[in-house]
C-alpha atoms as a PDB file:
ATOM      1  CA  UNK A   1     -21.192  -3.900  -0.024  1.00  0.00           C
ATOM      2  CA  UNK A   2     -20.584  -1.460  -2.003  1.00  0.00           C
ATOM      3  CA  UNK A   3     -18.144   0.167  -3.074  1.00  0.00           C
ATOM      4  CA  UNK A   4     -19.675   2.786  -6.231  1.00  0.00           C
ATOM      5  CA  UNK A   5     -16.766   4.850  -7.791  1.00  0.00           C
ATOM      6  CA  UNK A   6     -14.250   1.680  -7.965  1.00  0.00           C
ATOM      7  CA  UNK A   7     -14.145  -1.848  -8.403  1.00  0.00           C
ATOM      8  CA  UNK A   8     -12.193  -3.629  -6.187  1.00  0.00           C
ATOM      9  CA  UNK A   9     -10.349  -6.006  -8.155  1.00  0.00           C
ATOM     10  CA  UNK A  10      -9.576  -2.929 -10.988  1.00  0.00           C
ATOM     11  CA  UNK A  11      -5.611  -3.000 -11.526  1.00  0.00           C
ATOM     12  CA  UNK A  12      -4.231  -0.688  -8.601  1.00  0.00           C
ATOM     13  CA  UNK A  13      -2.007   1.890  -9.237  1.00  0.00           C
ATOM     14  CA  UNK A  14      -4.733   4.496 -10.951  1.00  0.00           C
ATOM     15  CA  UNK A  15      -5.977   7.776  -9.996  1.00  0.00           C
ATOM     16  CA  UNK A  16      -8.924   6.098  -8.364  1.00  0.00           C
ATOM     17  CA  UNK A  17      -7.266   2.490  -7.766  1.00  0.00           C
ATOM     18  CA  UNK A  18      -5.290   1.858  -4.241  1.00  0.00           C
ATOM     19  CA  UNK A  19      -6.115   1.059  -0.627  1.00  0.00           C
ATOM     20  CA  UNK A  20      -9.389   0.444  -0.461  1.00  0.00           C
ATOM     21  CA  UNK A  21      -9.385  -1.583  -3.078  1.00  0.00           C
ATOM     22  CA  UNK A  22      -7.487  -4.002  -1.177  1.00  0.00           C
ATOM     23  CA  UNK A  23      -9.252  -2.876   2.051  1.00  0.00           C
ATOM     24  CA  UNK A  24     -13.228  -3.891   0.244  1.00  0.00           C
ATOM     25  CA  UNK A  25     -11.461  -6.530  -1.770  1.00  0.00           C
ATOM     26  CA  UNK A  26      -9.364  -8.125   1.188  1.00  0.00           C
ATOM     27  CA  UNK A  27     -11.971  -8.140   4.469  1.00  0.00           C
ATOM     28  CA  UNK A  28     -14.755  -9.694   1.422  1.00  0.00           C
ATOM     29  CA  UNK A  29     -12.970 -12.600   0.992  1.00  0.00           C
ATOM     30  CA  UNK A  30     -11.566 -12.657   4.386  1.00  0.00           C
ATOM     31  CA  UNK A  31     -15.675 -12.911   5.237  1.00  0.00           C
ATOM     32  CA  UNK A  32     -15.807 -15.492   2.881  1.00  0.00           C
ATOM     33  CA  UNK A  33     -13.991 -17.374   4.582  1.00  0.00           C
ATOM     34  CA  UNK A  34     -15.713 -16.935   8.221  1.00  0.00           C
ATOM     35  CA  UNK A  35     -18.703 -18.383   6.384  1.00  0.00           C
ATOM     36  CA  UNK A  36     -19.798 -14.783   5.363  1.00  0.00           C
ATOM     37  CA  UNK A  37     -21.377 -14.255   2.735  1.00  0.00           C
ATOM     38  CA  UNK A  38     -20.950 -10.778   0.452  1.00  0.00           C
ATOM     39  CA  UNK A  39     -21.896  -9.660  -2.669  1.00  0.00           C
ATOM     40  CA  UNK A  40     -20.242  -6.448  -2.944  1.00  0.00           C
ATOM     41  CA  UNK A  41     -21.233  -3.339  -5.521  1.00  0.00           C
ATOM     42  CA  UNK A  42     -20.404  -1.456  -8.054  1.00  0.00           C
ATOM     43  CA  UNK A  43     -20.775   0.101 -10.898  1.00  0.00           C
ATOM     44  CA  UNK A  44     -19.563  -1.262 -14.415  1.00  0.00           C
ATOM     45  CA  UNK A  45     -16.895   0.243 -15.572  1.00  0.00           C
ATOM     46  CA  UNK A  46     -16.596  -2.042 -19.261  1.00  0.00           C
ATOM     47  CA  UNK A  47     -19.494  -3.805 -20.565  1.00  0.00           C
ATOM     48  CA  UNK A  48     -16.939  -6.497 -21.570  1.00  0.00           C
ATOM     49  CA  UNK A  49     -16.299  -7.544 -17.715  1.00  0.00           C
ATOM     50  CA  UNK A  50     -19.272 -10.278 -17.038  1.00  0.00           C
ATOM     51  CA  UNK A  51     -21.742  -8.260 -14.849  1.00  0.00           C
ATOM     52  CA  UNK A  52     -21.452 -11.416 -11.668  1.00  0.00           C
ATOM     53  CA  UNK A  53     -17.702 -12.488 -11.438  1.00  0.00           C
ATOM     54  CA  UNK A  54     -16.646 -14.877  -7.764  1.00  0.00           C
ATOM     55  CA  UNK A  55     -13.165 -13.740  -8.330  1.00  0.00           C
ATOM     56  CA  UNK A  56     -13.264 -12.420  -4.917  1.00  0.00           C
ATOM     57  CA  UNK A  57     -13.409 -16.601  -3.710  1.00  0.00           C
ATOM     58  CA  UNK A  58     -15.743 -18.742  -1.237  1.00  0.00           C
ATOM     59  CA  UNK A  59     -18.955 -17.487  -2.969  1.00  0.00           C
ATOM     60  CA  UNK A  60     -18.472 -14.230  -2.217  1.00  0.00           C
ATOM     61  CA  UNK A  61     -18.904 -12.490  -5.787  1.00  0.00           C
ATOM     62  CA  UNK A  62     -18.240  -8.754  -7.314  1.00  0.00           C
ATOM     63  CA  UNK A  63     -21.227  -7.639  -8.838  1.00  0.00           C
ATOM     64  CA  UNK A  64     -21.291  -4.543 -11.438  1.00  0.00           C
ATOM     65  CA  UNK A  65     -24.665  -2.455 -11.804  1.00  0.00           C
ATOM     66  CA  UNK A  66     -24.940  -0.578 -15.252  1.00  0.00           C
ATOM     67  CA  UNK A  67     -25.667   2.576 -13.977  1.00  0.00           C
ATOM     68  CA  UNK A  68     -24.589   5.770 -16.826  1.00  0.00           C
ATOM     69  CA  UNK A  69     -22.190   4.719 -19.946  1.00  0.00           C
ATOM     70  CA  UNK A  70     -20.291   1.830 -19.425  1.00  0.00           C
ATOM     71  CA  UNK A  71     -16.669   3.198 -19.068  1.00  0.00           C
ATOM     72  CA  UNK A  72     -14.751   5.212 -16.442  1.00  0.00           C
ATOM     73  CA  UNK A  73     -16.118   8.809 -15.470  1.00  0.00           C
ATOM     74  CA  UNK A  74     -14.724  11.770 -13.376  1.00  0.00           C
ATOM     75  CA  UNK A  75     -16.187  11.420  -9.217  1.00  0.00           C
ATOM     76  CA  UNK A  76     -18.579  14.448 -10.055  1.00  0.00           C
ATOM     77  CA  UNK A  77     -20.659  12.857 -12.929  1.00  0.00           C
ATOM     78  CA  UNK A  78     -21.655   9.877 -11.466  1.00  0.00           C
ATOM     79  CA  UNK A  79     -23.953  11.611  -8.752  1.00  0.00           C
ATOM     80  CA  UNK A  80     -26.429  12.068 -11.369  1.00  0.00           C
ATOM     81  CA  UNK A  81     -26.680   8.118 -11.414  1.00  0.00           C
ATOM     82  CA  UNK A  82     -26.526   6.711  -8.238  1.00  0.00           C
ATOM     83  CA  UNK A  83     -29.954   6.503  -8.103  1.00  0.00           C
ATOM     84  CA  UNK A  84     -30.328   3.991 -11.039  1.00  0.00           C
ATOM     85  CA  UNK A  85     -27.757   2.075  -9.680  1.00  0.00           C
ATOM     86  CA  UNK A  86     -29.525   1.970  -5.850  1.00  0.00           C
ATOM     87  CA  UNK A  87     -32.946   0.437  -8.593  1.00  0.00           C
ATOM     88  CA  UNK A  88     -30.889  -2.158 -10.146  1.00  0.00           C
ATOM     89  CA  UNK A  89     -29.535  -3.007  -7.284  1.00  0.00           C
ATOM     90  CA  UNK A  90     -33.018  -4.194  -5.989  1.00  0.00           C
ATOM     91  CA  UNK A  91     -33.928  -5.934  -8.611  1.00  0.00           C
ATOM     92  CA  UNK A  92     -30.186  -7.928  -8.527  1.00  0.00           C
ATOM     93  CA  UNK A  93     -31.684  -8.855  -4.962  1.00  0.00           C
ATOM     94  CA  UNK A  94     -35.029  -8.811  -5.610  1.00  0.00           C
ATOM     95  CA  UNK A  95     -34.621 -11.875  -9.089  1.00  0.00           C
ATOM     96  CA  UNK A  96     -32.422 -13.710  -7.007  1.00  0.00           C
ATOM     97  CA  UNK A  97     -34.777 -13.597  -3.636  1.00  0.00           C
ATOM     98  CA  UNK A  98     -32.166 -12.282  -1.484  1.00  0.00           C
ATOM     99  CA  UNK A  99     -31.877 -10.758   1.987  1.00  0.00           C
ATOM    100  CA  UNK A 100     -29.143  -8.899   3.691  1.00  0.00           C
ATOM    101  CA  UNK A 101     -28.954  -8.593   6.409  1.00  0.00           C
ATOM    102  CA  UNK A 102     -25.981  -5.688   6.087  1.00  0.00           C
ATOM    103  CA  UNK A 103     -24.892  -2.887   4.356  1.00  0.00           C
ATOM    104  CA  UNK A 104     -21.104  -2.341   4.009  1.00  0.00           C
ATOM    105  CA  UNK A 105     -20.554   1.903   2.053  1.00  0.00           C
ATOM    106  CA  UNK A 106     -16.880   3.033   1.444  1.00  0.00           C
ATOM    107  CA  UNK A 107     -16.741   5.962   0.191  1.00  0.00           C
ATOM    108  CA  UNK A 108     -19.267   9.152   0.570  1.00  0.00           C
ATOM    109  CA  UNK A 109     -20.725   7.901  -3.161  1.00  0.00           C
ATOM    110  CA  UNK A 110     -21.610   4.431  -2.002  1.00  0.00           C
ATOM    111  CA  UNK A 111     -22.455   5.708   2.126  1.00  0.00           C
ATOM    112  CA  UNK A 112     -25.427   8.278  -0.645  1.00  0.00           C
ATOM    113  CA  UNK A 113     -26.057   4.874  -2.421  1.00  0.00           C
ATOM    114  CA  UNK A 114     -26.418   3.041   0.991  1.00  0.00           C
ATOM    115  CA  UNK A 115     -28.839   6.144   2.173  1.00  0.00           C
ATOM    116  CA  UNK A 116     -31.729   4.164   0.166  1.00  0.00           C
ATOM    117  CA  UNK A 117     -31.053   0.669   0.097  1.00  0.00           C
ATOM    118  CA  UNK A 118     -31.000   0.845   4.033  1.00  0.00           C
ATOM    119  CA  UNK A 119     -34.696   3.048   4.050  1.00  0.00           C
ATOM    120  CA  UNK A 120     -35.739  -0.245   0.982  1.00  0.00           C
ATOM    121  CA  UNK A 121     -34.596  -3.046   3.480  1.00  0.00           C
ATOM    122  CA  UNK A 122     -34.388  -1.489   6.902  1.00  0.00           C
ATOM    123  CA  UNK A 123     -30.749  -3.048   7.973  1.00  0.00           C
ATOM    124  CA  UNK A 124     -27.945  -2.068   9.554  1.00  0.00           C
ATOM    125  CA  UNK A 125     -25.571   0.225   7.617  1.00  0.00           C
ATOM    126  CA  UNK A 126     -22.144   0.872   8.990  1.00  0.00           C
ATOM    127  CA  UNK A 127     -20.244   2.690   6.630  1.00  0.00           C
ATOM    128  CA  UNK A 128     -16.291   4.001   5.982  1.00  0.00           C
ATOM    129  CA  UNK A 129     -15.139   7.524   4.163  1.00  0.00           C
ATOM    130  CA  UNK A 130     -11.351   5.907   3.251  1.00  0.00           C
ATOM    131  CA  UNK A 131     -10.947  10.140   2.805  1.00  0.00           C
ATOM    132  CA  UNK A 132     -13.232  13.908   3.873  1.00  0.00           C
ATOM    133  CA  UNK A 133     -13.569  15.896   2.001  1.00  0.00           C
ATOM    134  CA  UNK A 134     -13.258  18.728   4.941  1.00  0.00           C
ATOM    135  CA  UNK A 135      -9.462  17.108   5.588  1.00  0.00           C
ATOM    136  CA  UNK A 136      -8.865  17.306   1.699  1.00  0.00           C
ATOM    137  CA  UNK A 137     -10.331  20.105   1.569  1.00  0.00           C
ATOM    138  CA  UNK A 138      -7.695  22.203   3.991  1.00  0.00           C
ATOM    139  CA  UNK A 139      -4.493  20.762   1.685  1.00  0.00           C
ATOM    140  CA  UNK A 140      -5.915  21.344  -1.586  1.00  0.00           C
ATOM    141  CA  UNK A 141      -3.625  23.753  -3.503  1.00  0.00           C
ATOM    142  CA  UNK A 142      -5.174  24.066  -7.164  1.00  0.00           C
ATOM    143  CA  UNK A 143      -9.155  24.506  -8.409  1.00  0.00           C
ATOM    144  CA  UNK A 144      -8.307  21.173  -9.781  1.00  0.00           C
ATOM    145  CA  UNK A 145      -7.803  18.896  -5.982  1.00  0.00           C
ATOM    146  CA  UNK A 146     -11.049  21.478  -5.215  1.00  0.00           C
ATOM    147  CA  UNK A 147     -13.330  18.816  -3.269  1.00  0.00           C
ATOM    148  CA  UNK A 148     -17.371  20.201  -4.942  1.00  0.00           C
ATOM    149  CA  UNK A 149     -19.682  20.908  -2.113  1.00  0.00           C
ATOM    150  CA  UNK A 150     -22.313  18.335  -3.007  1.00  0.00           C
ATOM    151  CA  UNK A 151     -19.232  16.010  -1.246  1.00  0.00           C
ATOM    152  CA  UNK A 152     -19.592  17.836   2.175  1.00  0.00           C
ATOM    153  CA  UNK A 153     -22.975  18.248   2.514  1.00  0.00           C
ATOM    154  CA  UNK A 154     -23.571  14.042   1.513  1.00  0.00           C
ATOM    155  CA  UNK A 155     -20.301  13.054   4.236  1.00  0.00           C
ATOM    156  CA  UNK A 156     -22.523  15.009   6.872  1.00  0.00           C
ATOM    157  CA  UNK A 157     -26.281  13.006   5.989  1.00  0.00           C
ATOM    158  CA  UNK A 158     -24.211   9.661   5.776  1.00  0.00           C
ATOM    159  CA  UNK A 159     -22.708  10.615   9.580  1.00  0.00           C
ATOM    160  CA  UNK A 160     -26.401  11.407  10.659  1.00  0.00           C
ATOM    161  CA  UNK A 161     -27.585   7.911   8.779  1.00  0.00           C
ATOM    162  CA  UNK A 162     -24.981   5.317   9.267  1.00  0.00           C
ATOM    163  CA  UNK A 163     -25.750   3.315  11.931  1.00  0.00           C
ATOM    164  CA  UNK A 164     -21.944   3.122  12.882  1.00  0.00           C
ATOM    165  CA  UNK A 165     -18.475   4.557  10.909  1.00  0.00           C
ATOM    166  CA  UNK A 166     -15.439   2.915  11.058  1.00  0.00           C
ATOM    167  CA  UNK A 167     -12.437   4.965  10.984  1.00  0.00           C
ATOM    168  CA  UNK A 168      -9.274   3.878   9.955  1.00  0.00           C
ATOM    169  CA  UNK A 169      -7.072   6.309  12.709  1.00  0.00           C
ATOM    170  CA  UNK A 170      -7.528   7.928  16.301  1.00  0.00           C
ATOM    171  CA  UNK A 171      -6.723  10.635  13.760  1.00  0.00           C
ATOM    172  CA  UNK A 172      -9.591  10.127  11.642  1.00  0.00           C
ATOM    173  CA  UNK A 173     -11.876  10.035  14.221  1.00  0.00           C
ATOM    174  CA  UNK A 174     -10.563  13.626  15.429  1.00  0.00           C
ATOM    175  CA  UNK A 175     -11.311  15.429  11.856  1.00  0.00           C
ATOM    176  CA  UNK A 176     -14.672  13.606  12.386  1.00  0.00           C
ATOM    177  CA  UNK A 177     -14.874  15.917  15.628  1.00  0.00           C
ATOM    178  CA  UNK A 178     -13.810  18.526  15.164  1.00  0.00           C
ATOM    179  CA  UNK A 179     -14.398  18.964  11.178  1.00  0.00           C
ATOM    180  CA  UNK A 180     -18.094  17.768  11.350  1.00  0.00           C
ATOM    181  CA  UNK A 181     -19.222  17.348  14.297  1.00  0.00           C
ATOM    182  CA  UNK A 182     -19.873  13.908  14.277  1.00  0.00           C
ATOM    183  CA  UNK A 183     -21.417  12.201  17.543  1.00  0.00           C
ATOM    184  CA  UNK A 184     -18.135  10.103  18.299  1.00  0.00           C
ATOM    185  CA  UNK A 185     -20.434   7.248  20.130  1.00  0.00           C
ATOM    186  CA  UNK A 186     -20.972   5.533  16.676  1.00  0.00           C
ATOM    187  CA  UNK A 187     -17.218   5.882  16.062  1.00  0.00           C
ATOM    188  CA  UNK A 188     -15.134   2.745  16.108  1.00  0.00           C
ATOM    189  CA  UNK A 189     -11.691   3.223  15.915  1.00  0.00           C
ATOM    190  CA  UNK A 190     -10.530  -0.491  13.326  1.00  0.00           C
ATOM    191  CA  UNK A 191      -7.253  -0.127  12.249  1.00  0.00           C
ATOM    192  CA  UNK A 192      -7.147  -2.220   8.306  1.00  0.00           C
ATOM    193  CA  UNK A 193      -5.311  -5.253   8.491  1.00  0.00           C
ATOM    194  CA  UNK A 194      -2.135  -6.144   6.938  1.00  0.00           C
ATOM    195  CA  UNK A 195      -1.391  -9.089   4.865  1.00  0.00           C
ATOM    196  CA  UNK A 196       1.214 -11.375   7.143  1.00  0.00           C
ATOM    197  CA  UNK A 197       1.646 -14.006   3.477  1.00  0.00           C
ATOM    198  CA  UNK A 198       3.217 -10.314   2.042  1.00  0.00           C
ATOM    199  CA  UNK A 199       4.245  -7.481   4.368  1.00  0.00           C
ATOM    200  CA  UNK A 200       6.917 -10.027   6.942  1.00  0.00           C
ATOM    201  CA  UNK A 201      10.695  -8.281   8.547  1.00  0.00           C
ATOM    202  CA  UNK A 202      14.064  -9.265   6.677  1.00  0.00           C
ATOM    203  CA  UNK A 203      17.079  -8.446   7.827  1.00  0.00           C
ATOM    204  CA  UNK A 204      17.869  -4.993   6.752  1.00  0.00           C
ATOM    205  CA  UNK A 205      20.301  -5.300   4.783  1.00  0.00           C
ATOM    206  CA  UNK A 206      19.013  -8.511   2.721  1.00  0.00           C
ATOM    207  CA  UNK A 207      16.356  -5.366   2.438  1.00  0.00           C
ATOM    208  CA  UNK A 208      18.393  -2.404   1.572  1.00  0.00           C
ATOM    209  CA  UNK A 209      20.134  -4.882  -1.529  1.00  0.00           C
ATOM    210  CA  UNK A 210      16.551  -6.064  -2.256  1.00  0.00           C
ATOM    211  CA  UNK A 211      15.940  -2.618  -4.011  1.00  0.00           C
ATOM    212  CA  UNK A 212      19.655  -1.309  -4.639  1.00  0.00           C
ATOM    213  CA  UNK A 213      19.829   1.331  -2.067  1.00  0.00           C
ATOM    214  CA  UNK A 214      22.849   1.460  -0.316  1.00  0.00           C
ATOM    215  CA  UNK A 215      24.119   0.408   3.142  1.00  0.00           C
ATOM    216  CA  UNK A 216      23.319   3.374   4.634  1.00  0.00           C
ATOM    217  CA  UNK A 217      22.364   4.848   8.211  1.00  0.00           C
ATOM    218  CA  UNK A 218      19.743   6.747   7.293  1.00  0.00           C
ATOM    219  CA  UNK A 219      16.410   6.074   4.689  1.00  0.00           C
ATOM    220  CA  UNK A 220      13.124   8.564   3.835  1.00  0.00           C
ATOM    221  CA  UNK A 221      10.417   6.090   3.114  1.00  0.00           C
ATOM    222  CA  UNK A 222       7.575   7.303   0.776  1.00  0.00           C
ATOM    223  CA  UNK A 223       4.453   4.975   0.716  1.00  0.00           C
ATOM    224  CA  UNK A 224       1.585   6.475  -1.819  1.00  0.00           C
ATOM    225  CA  UNK A 225       1.163   7.816  -5.547  1.00  0.00           C
ATOM    226  CA  UNK A 226       3.183  10.632  -5.691  1.00  0.00           C
ATOM    227  CA  UNK A 227       1.040  13.491  -6.449  1.00  0.00           C
ATOM    228  CA  UNK A 228       1.380  16.598  -4.322  1.00  0.00           C
ATOM    229  CA  UNK A 229      -2.035  15.441  -2.353  1.00  0.00           C
ATOM    230  CA  UNK A 230      -0.597  13.080  -0.829  1.00  0.00           C
ATOM    231  CA  UNK A 231       1.624  15.620   0.713  1.00  0.00           C
ATOM    232  CA  UNK A 232       5.354  14.062  -0.860  1.00  0.00           C
ATOM    233  CA  UNK A 233       7.194  17.532  -0.610  1.00  0.00           C
ATOM    234  CA  UNK A 234       6.625  18.070   3.839  1.00  0.00           C
ATOM    235  CA  UNK A 235       9.492  17.599   5.111  1.00  0.00           C
ATOM    236  CA  UNK A 236      10.658  18.530   9.326  1.00  0.00           C
ATOM    237  CA  UNK A 237      13.822  19.138   9.892  1.00  0.00           C
ATOM    238  CA  UNK A 238      15.590  16.232  11.674  1.00  0.00           C
ATOM    239  CA  UNK A 239      16.229  15.894  15.458  1.00  0.00           C
ATOM    240  CA  UNK A 240      19.464  17.690  16.694  1.00  0.00           C
END
């Protein structure tokens, strides 16, 4: 599994740490429960963190690959270090005498790395975008929110070589079809799972009391980081 730009064990809540981190972390743990060995490769961002961690349990590993300076970097700079990242993954697999049956990459940067590994290892590639550059470009309102053209072209290339694309929702499937002209026969919709030990229904009055909200007939709930790109300011008139 490849999560190039962010480690699934990183502290949640930052600009580049959120749902994808949880997805990769919990999917890896569940595969471990099912007896499937997974190595998650991510770019090392801290030289003081061990390069191999077993924190996912079940024998599955996080492998921090030094590629470029071991510090957090803007995503547009990370493209330059993908070849080094791929080469060191190959070195790791060779030293450990490992053969992987499948590559599962997450986000477009990981997909570009997976492209080279697929060519070298001759194994199937499953990819999940998590967010789409063309869709983000449609809602961008400032230059800072603009997506680089390299991302758009990279996503199109991944779509052309991946054996299977996983979309989280029917809406994402539609976006892949309309914006990217993707071959939808290679796209499957698999909704993310829910940790039922953490998320489960409780009585409404107890939930409101717990978060300090007075009982009322209607409440608006937003789940996500508070930033313009998430559309927090988007609203519609209530139906009559």
